[in-house]
Protein backbone atom coordinates (compact mmCIF):
# COMPACT_ATOMS: atom_id res chain seq x y z
CA MET A 1 5.87 5.40 -20.11
CA ILE A 2 6.40 3.63 -23.44
CA ILE A 3 4.05 0.90 -24.68
CA THR A 4 5.27 -1.27 -27.53
CA VAL A 5 2.47 -2.74 -29.63
CA THR A 6 2.65 -6.54 -29.90
CA ALA A 7 1.78 -8.77 -32.83
CA GLU A 8 -1.50 -9.71 -31.14
CA GLU A 9 -2.42 -6.00 -30.89
CA ASN A 10 -1.56 -5.21 -34.53
CA GLY A 11 -4.38 -3.33 -36.27
CA LYS A 12 -6.37 -2.65 -33.10
CA GLU A 13 -7.59 0.78 -32.04
CA LEU A 14 -5.34 2.44 -29.48
CA GLU A 15 -8.13 2.62 -26.89
CA SER A 16 -8.60 -1.16 -27.09
CA VAL A 17 -4.87 -1.67 -26.55
CA LEU A 18 -4.80 0.72 -23.58
CA ARG A 19 -7.83 -0.91 -21.94
CA SER A 20 -6.25 -4.36 -22.31
CA ARG A 21 -3.10 -2.98 -20.65
CA GLY A 22 -5.04 -1.88 -17.55
CA PHE A 23 -5.73 1.77 -18.36
CA SER A 24 -9.00 2.96 -16.83
CA ARG A 25 -11.49 4.98 -18.87
CA ARG A 26 -10.88 7.88 -16.50
CA LEU A 27 -7.13 7.82 -17.18
CA ILE A 28 -7.64 7.52 -20.95
CA THR A 29 -9.91 10.60 -20.81
CA ARG A 30 -7.23 12.45 -18.85
CA LEU A 31 -4.58 11.53 -21.44
CA LYS A 32 -6.79 12.90 -24.20
CA ARG A 33 -6.88 16.24 -22.39
CA THR A 34 -3.17 16.31 -21.55
CA GLU A 35 -0.79 18.09 -23.91
CA ASN A 36 1.12 15.37 -25.79
CA GLY A 37 -0.66 12.81 -23.65
CA MET A 38 -0.31 10.07 -26.30
CA THR A 39 2.21 10.20 -29.13
CA CYS A 40 3.69 7.80 -31.68
CA LYS A 41 6.75 8.59 -33.78
CA GLY A 42 6.70 12.13 -32.43
CA ARG A 43 3.09 12.82 -33.50
CA LEU A 44 -0.13 12.91 -31.52
CA ILE A 45 -2.20 9.72 -31.76
CA ARG A 46 -5.91 9.43 -31.07
CA THR A 47 -7.61 6.60 -29.22
CA VAL A 48 -9.57 5.71 -32.39
CA ASP A 49 -6.38 5.39 -34.46
CA HIS A 50 -5.22 1.89 -35.39
CA VAL A 51 -1.76 0.83 -34.24
CA ALA A 52 0.78 -1.49 -35.81
CA CYS A 53 3.06 -4.14 -34.38
CA GLY A 54 6.27 -2.52 -33.13
CA ASP A 55 4.78 0.97 -32.67
CA ASN A 56 6.06 2.69 -29.53
CA ILE A 57 3.25 4.65 -27.89
CA VAL A 58 4.60 7.31 -25.52
CA ILE A 59 2.27 7.98 -22.58
CA ASN A 60 2.58 11.30 -20.73
CA GLU A 61 0.29 11.64 -17.72
CA GLY A 62 1.35 15.25 -17.12
CA ARG A 63 2.67 16.80 -13.95
CA SER A 64 0.79 16.30 -10.69
CA GLU A 65 1.17 18.56 -7.66
CA ALA A 66 4.43 17.37 -6.12
CA LEU A 67 5.20 16.92 -2.44
CA GLU A 68 8.15 18.69 -0.89
CA ALA A 69 11.28 16.59 -1.40
CA ASN A 70 13.34 15.64 1.64
CA PRO A 71 16.54 13.85 0.57
CA GLU A 72 17.67 13.48 4.19
CA LEU A 73 15.04 10.81 4.84
CA LYS A 74 16.16 7.20 4.46
CA THR A 75 14.47 3.84 4.28
CA GLU A 76 15.17 0.53 2.55
CA ILE A 77 13.77 -0.20 -0.90
CA LEU A 78 12.77 -3.87 -0.90
CA PHE A 79 11.77 -4.13 -4.58
CA GLU A 80 11.62 -1.89 -7.64
CA ASP A 81 10.80 -2.16 -11.32
CA GLU A 82 9.69 0.25 -14.04
CA GLU A 83 6.23 0.81 -12.53
CA THR A 84 6.41 -0.06 -8.83
CA VAL A 85 8.53 0.36 -5.73
CA VAL A 86 8.14 -1.31 -2.32
CA PHE A 87 9.53 0.52 0.71
CA SER A 88 10.25 -0.88 4.15
CA LYS A 89 8.59 1.94 6.09
CA PRO A 90 10.10 2.40 9.55
CA PRO A 91 7.88 3.00 12.58
CA HIS A 92 7.10 6.63 13.44
CA MET A 93 7.18 7.73 9.77
CA PRO A 94 3.79 8.80 8.36
CA CYS A 95 2.90 7.89 4.79
CA HIS A 96 1.39 11.28 3.94
CA PRO A 97 1.99 14.86 5.12
CA SER A 98 -0.47 16.27 7.64
CA ILE A 99 -0.77 19.36 9.82
CA LYS A 100 1.69 17.90 12.34
CA HIS A 101 3.96 16.23 9.77
CA GLN A 102 5.28 18.42 6.97
CA GLY A 103 8.41 17.07 5.34
CA ASP A 104 9.10 13.91 7.36
CA THR A 105 6.85 11.43 5.55
CA LEU A 106 7.32 8.60 3.10
CA GLY A 107 5.75 10.86 0.49
CA ASN A 108 8.52 13.42 1.02
CA LEU A 109 11.14 10.70 0.60
CA PHE A 110 9.42 9.49 -2.59
CA ALA A 111 9.48 13.05 -3.94
CA ALA A 112 13.24 13.20 -3.38
CA LEU A 113 13.84 9.87 -5.13
CA TYR A 114 11.41 10.43 -8.02
CA PRO A 115 11.02 14.19 -8.53
CA GLU A 116 9.03 13.79 -11.75
CA LEU A 117 6.45 11.38 -10.29
CA ALA A 118 3.37 11.74 -8.11
CA PHE A 119 3.30 9.71 -4.88
CA ARG A 120 0.68 6.96 -5.29
CA PRO A 121 0.85 4.49 -2.37
CA VAL A 122 -1.29 1.44 -3.09
CA ASN A 123 -1.45 0.46 0.57
CA ARG A 124 -1.12 2.77 3.54
CA LEU A 125 0.17 2.11 7.03
CA ASP A 126 -0.46 4.02 10.24
CA ARG A 127 2.42 6.24 11.32
CA ASP A 128 3.60 3.78 13.99
CA THR A 129 3.03 0.64 11.92
CA SER A 130 6.14 -0.56 10.08
CA GLY A 131 6.71 -2.65 6.98
CA CYS A 132 5.89 -2.95 3.29
CA VAL A 133 4.40 0.01 1.44
CA LEU A 134 3.78 -0.51 -2.27
CA ALA A 135 3.78 2.63 -4.42
CA ALA A 136 2.89 2.92 -8.10
CA LYS A 137 4.92 5.09 -10.44
CA SER A 138 1.95 5.92 -12.67
CA GLN A 139 -1.81 6.26 -12.43
CA ARG A 140 -2.24 3.26 -14.72
CA ALA A 141 -0.12 1.10 -12.43
CA ALA A 142 -2.01 2.35 -9.36
CA TYR A 143 -5.32 1.39 -10.98
CA ALA A 144 -4.03 -2.06 -11.96
CA LEU A 145 -2.55 -2.78 -8.53
CA GLN A 146 -5.72 -1.92 -6.59
CA LYS A 147 -7.25 -5.20 -7.74
CA CYS A 148 -4.32 -7.56 -7.32
CA PHE A 149 -2.34 -7.19 -4.12
CA GLU A 150 -2.42 -8.99 -0.77
CA LYS A 151 -0.84 -8.08 2.57
CA THR A 152 0.26 -10.09 5.57
CA TYR A 153 0.83 -8.51 8.97
CA ILE A 154 2.70 -9.65 12.05
CA GLY A 155 1.61 -8.30 15.41
CA ALA A 156 2.64 -8.90 19.01
CA THR A 157 0.05 -9.34 21.76
CA PRO A 158 -0.07 -10.60 25.34
CA ARG A 159 0.30 -14.39 25.23
CA LEU A 160 -2.80 -15.85 23.59
CA PRO A 161 -4.58 -18.93 24.97
CA PHE A 162 -5.50 -20.15 21.46
CA ALA A 163 -3.70 -20.98 18.21
CA GLY A 164 -5.75 -18.85 15.82
CA GLY A 165 -9.18 -18.08 14.50
CA ARG A 166 -11.32 -15.49 12.79
CA ILE A 167 -12.74 -12.22 14.11
CA CYS A 168 -15.86 -10.89 12.43
CA ALA A 169 -17.09 -7.64 13.98
CA PRO A 170 -18.35 -4.40 12.34
CA ILE A 171 -16.14 -1.32 12.74
CA ALA A 172 -17.37 2.25 13.07
CA ARG A 173 -15.87 5.62 13.95
CA GLU A 174 -15.92 6.45 17.66
CA LYS A 175 -18.48 9.25 17.85
CA GLU A 176 -16.35 11.52 20.04
CA SER A 177 -13.14 11.02 18.05
CA ILE A 178 -11.91 11.67 14.51
CA ILE A 179 -9.22 8.98 14.90
CA LYS A 180 -10.43 6.17 17.13
CA ARG A 181 -12.60 3.30 15.85
CA CYS A 182 -14.87 0.93 17.75
CA ILE A 183 -17.03 -2.17 17.33
CA ARG A 184 -20.64 -1.17 16.73
CA ASP A 185 -23.64 -2.87 15.16
CA ASP A 186 -24.09 -0.12 12.58
CA GLY A 187 -20.43 -0.25 11.55
CA GLN A 188 -18.92 -1.60 8.34
CA TYR A 189 -18.41 -5.34 7.92
CA ALA A 190 -14.87 -6.35 8.91
CA ALA A 191 -13.18 -9.76 9.07
CA THR A 192 -9.68 -10.70 10.25
CA ASP A 193 -8.02 -14.13 10.16
CA LEU A 194 -5.23 -14.74 12.66
CA ARG A 195 -2.69 -17.44 13.43
CA VAL A 196 -0.22 -17.60 16.30
CA THR A 197 3.25 -18.24 14.86
CA GLU A 198 5.37 -18.04 18.01
CA SER A 199 4.93 -17.46 21.76
CA THR A 200 7.14 -16.69 24.73
CA ASP A 201 6.11 -16.72 28.37
CA ARG A 202 4.54 -13.28 27.98
CA VAL A 203 4.13 -12.51 24.27
CA SER A 204 2.48 -14.10 21.23
CA PHE A 205 3.44 -13.24 17.66
CA VAL A 206 0.40 -13.37 15.43
CA GLU A 207 0.07 -13.46 11.64
CA PHE A 208 -2.93 -11.52 10.32
CA GLN A 209 -4.72 -11.78 6.98
CA LEU A 210 -7.41 -9.19 6.24
CA GLU A 211 -10.56 -9.95 4.30
CA THR A 212 -11.46 -6.25 4.56
CA GLY A 213 -9.29 -3.18 5.01
CA ARG A 214 -11.00 -0.98 7.60
CA THR A 215 -9.11 1.76 9.42
CA HIS A 216 -7.29 0.31 12.48
CA GLN A 217 -8.93 -3.06 11.76
CA ILE A 218 -6.36 -5.34 13.41
CA ARG A 219 -5.95 -2.99 16.36
CA VAL A 220 -9.70 -2.70 16.95
CA HIS A 221 -10.39 -6.42 16.53
CA MET A 222 -7.64 -7.49 18.93
CA ALA A 223 -8.81 -4.99 21.54
CA HIS A 224 -12.35 -6.28 21.03
CA ILE A 225 -11.38 -9.83 22.04
CA GLY A 226 -9.40 -8.59 25.04
CA PHE A 227 -5.84 -8.88 23.67
CA PRO A 228 -4.86 -5.45 22.29
CA LEU A 229 -1.57 -5.14 20.47
CA LEU A 230 1.36 -4.42 22.73
CA GLY A 231 2.19 -0.73 22.80
CA ASP A 232 -1.19 0.30 21.36
CA ASP A 233 -2.33 2.66 24.11
CA LEU A 234 -5.13 4.07 21.93
CA TYR A 235 -6.88 0.71 22.31
CA GLY A 236 -5.67 -0.30 25.76
CA GLY A 237 -2.35 -1.94 24.87
CA ASP A 238 0.49 -2.20 27.40
CA LYS A 239 3.47 0.09 26.58
CA THR A 240 5.83 -1.55 29.06
CA LEU A 241 7.67 -3.61 26.43
CA ILE A 242 7.36 -1.42 23.32
CA GLY A 243 6.53 2.24 22.79
CA ARG A 244 4.31 1.92 19.70
CA GLN A 245 1.70 -0.52 18.46
CA ALA A 246 3.55 -3.77 17.72
CA LEU A 247 2.29 -4.16 14.15
CA HIS A 248 4.33 -4.78 11.01
CA CYS A 249 3.35 -5.40 7.37
CA SER A 250 5.68 -8.34 6.79
CA LYS A 251 4.69 -9.36 3.26
CA ILE A 252 3.03 -7.92 0.19
CA ALA A 253 2.24 -9.89 -2.96
CA PHE A 254 1.08 -8.41 -6.25
CA ILE A 255 1.15 -8.77 -10.03
CA SER A 256 3.65 -6.37 -11.57
CA PRO A 257 1.95 -4.07 -14.12
CA ALA A 258 5.30 -3.87 -15.90
CA SER A 259 6.03 -7.58 -16.39
CA GLY A 260 2.86 -9.45 -15.42
CA GLU A 261 4.92 -11.50 -12.95
CA HIS A 262 3.71 -12.47 -9.50
CA ILE A 263 5.92 -10.58 -7.05
CA THR A 264 6.23 -11.36 -3.33
CA VAL A 265 8.20 -9.00 -1.11
CA TYR A 266 9.13 -9.54 2.55
CA ALA A 267 10.08 -6.95 5.17
CA PRO A 268 12.02 -8.24 8.20
CA LEU A 269 10.78 -7.35 11.67
CA PRO A 270 12.26 -4.12 13.02
CA ASP A 271 14.50 -4.21 16.09
CA ASP A 272 11.87 -3.05 18.58
CA MET A 273 9.63 -6.01 17.71
CA LEU A 274 12.52 -8.48 17.58
CA LYS A 275 13.36 -7.53 21.17
CA LEU A 276 9.94 -8.79 22.24
CA LYS A 277 11.16 -12.34 21.51
CA THR A 278 13.84 -12.19 24.22
């Protein structure tokens, strides 16, 4: 990464410039300890050194442990700039490797596309949830994006008898399961806003906005009110019409760390959810 010092930053200490650009103290400390972590004109530069307008500061975060690359994996890239990339993750593809999934994840695809970069997804989707996944190309970008992104989901449920509302119910881990969540008084605060956008005789399409980001939040909340997502058999959903939970991250909005622009990216519904409209 190359940072060019602006006229407004002329004469400031490098640490002040980095902090104003969104670098965390933790990352700055890491750069100090990394060989050639910060250089200017081919020479090491310290965080206490003053910089001049036009200086190009080269940032080297060092190599992180890389995931195994799998160039055979494919998915659409919805947006990309110098510091971010947004994938349209298909259903049935995990974000991260696990015991049962070694080599078939979005992380393995990222490693094939960007062999010199660590995989830093800013948002994560369940394996069977499709849609937008925003990944940062640097630790600085990941830190900056954590505070300034919003997601919108579309889900399909049995036809709802109402137009929308808000679900506020605390979510906890099911005591007998490492995966399943439940509504329990001692759980973490969770709030979901929902709005029906379209209905057929049997199915409602619902737009979800999350105030909180608890594991399985939409799935748990919809099951709690008696309308689990179609296909979500973990929470009582009917698999007659679709074989996975009918949930899709349809939109993600964020401020680009590279340009400072407000970016909004849309992911179209996949075919299995489109078929629910017929």
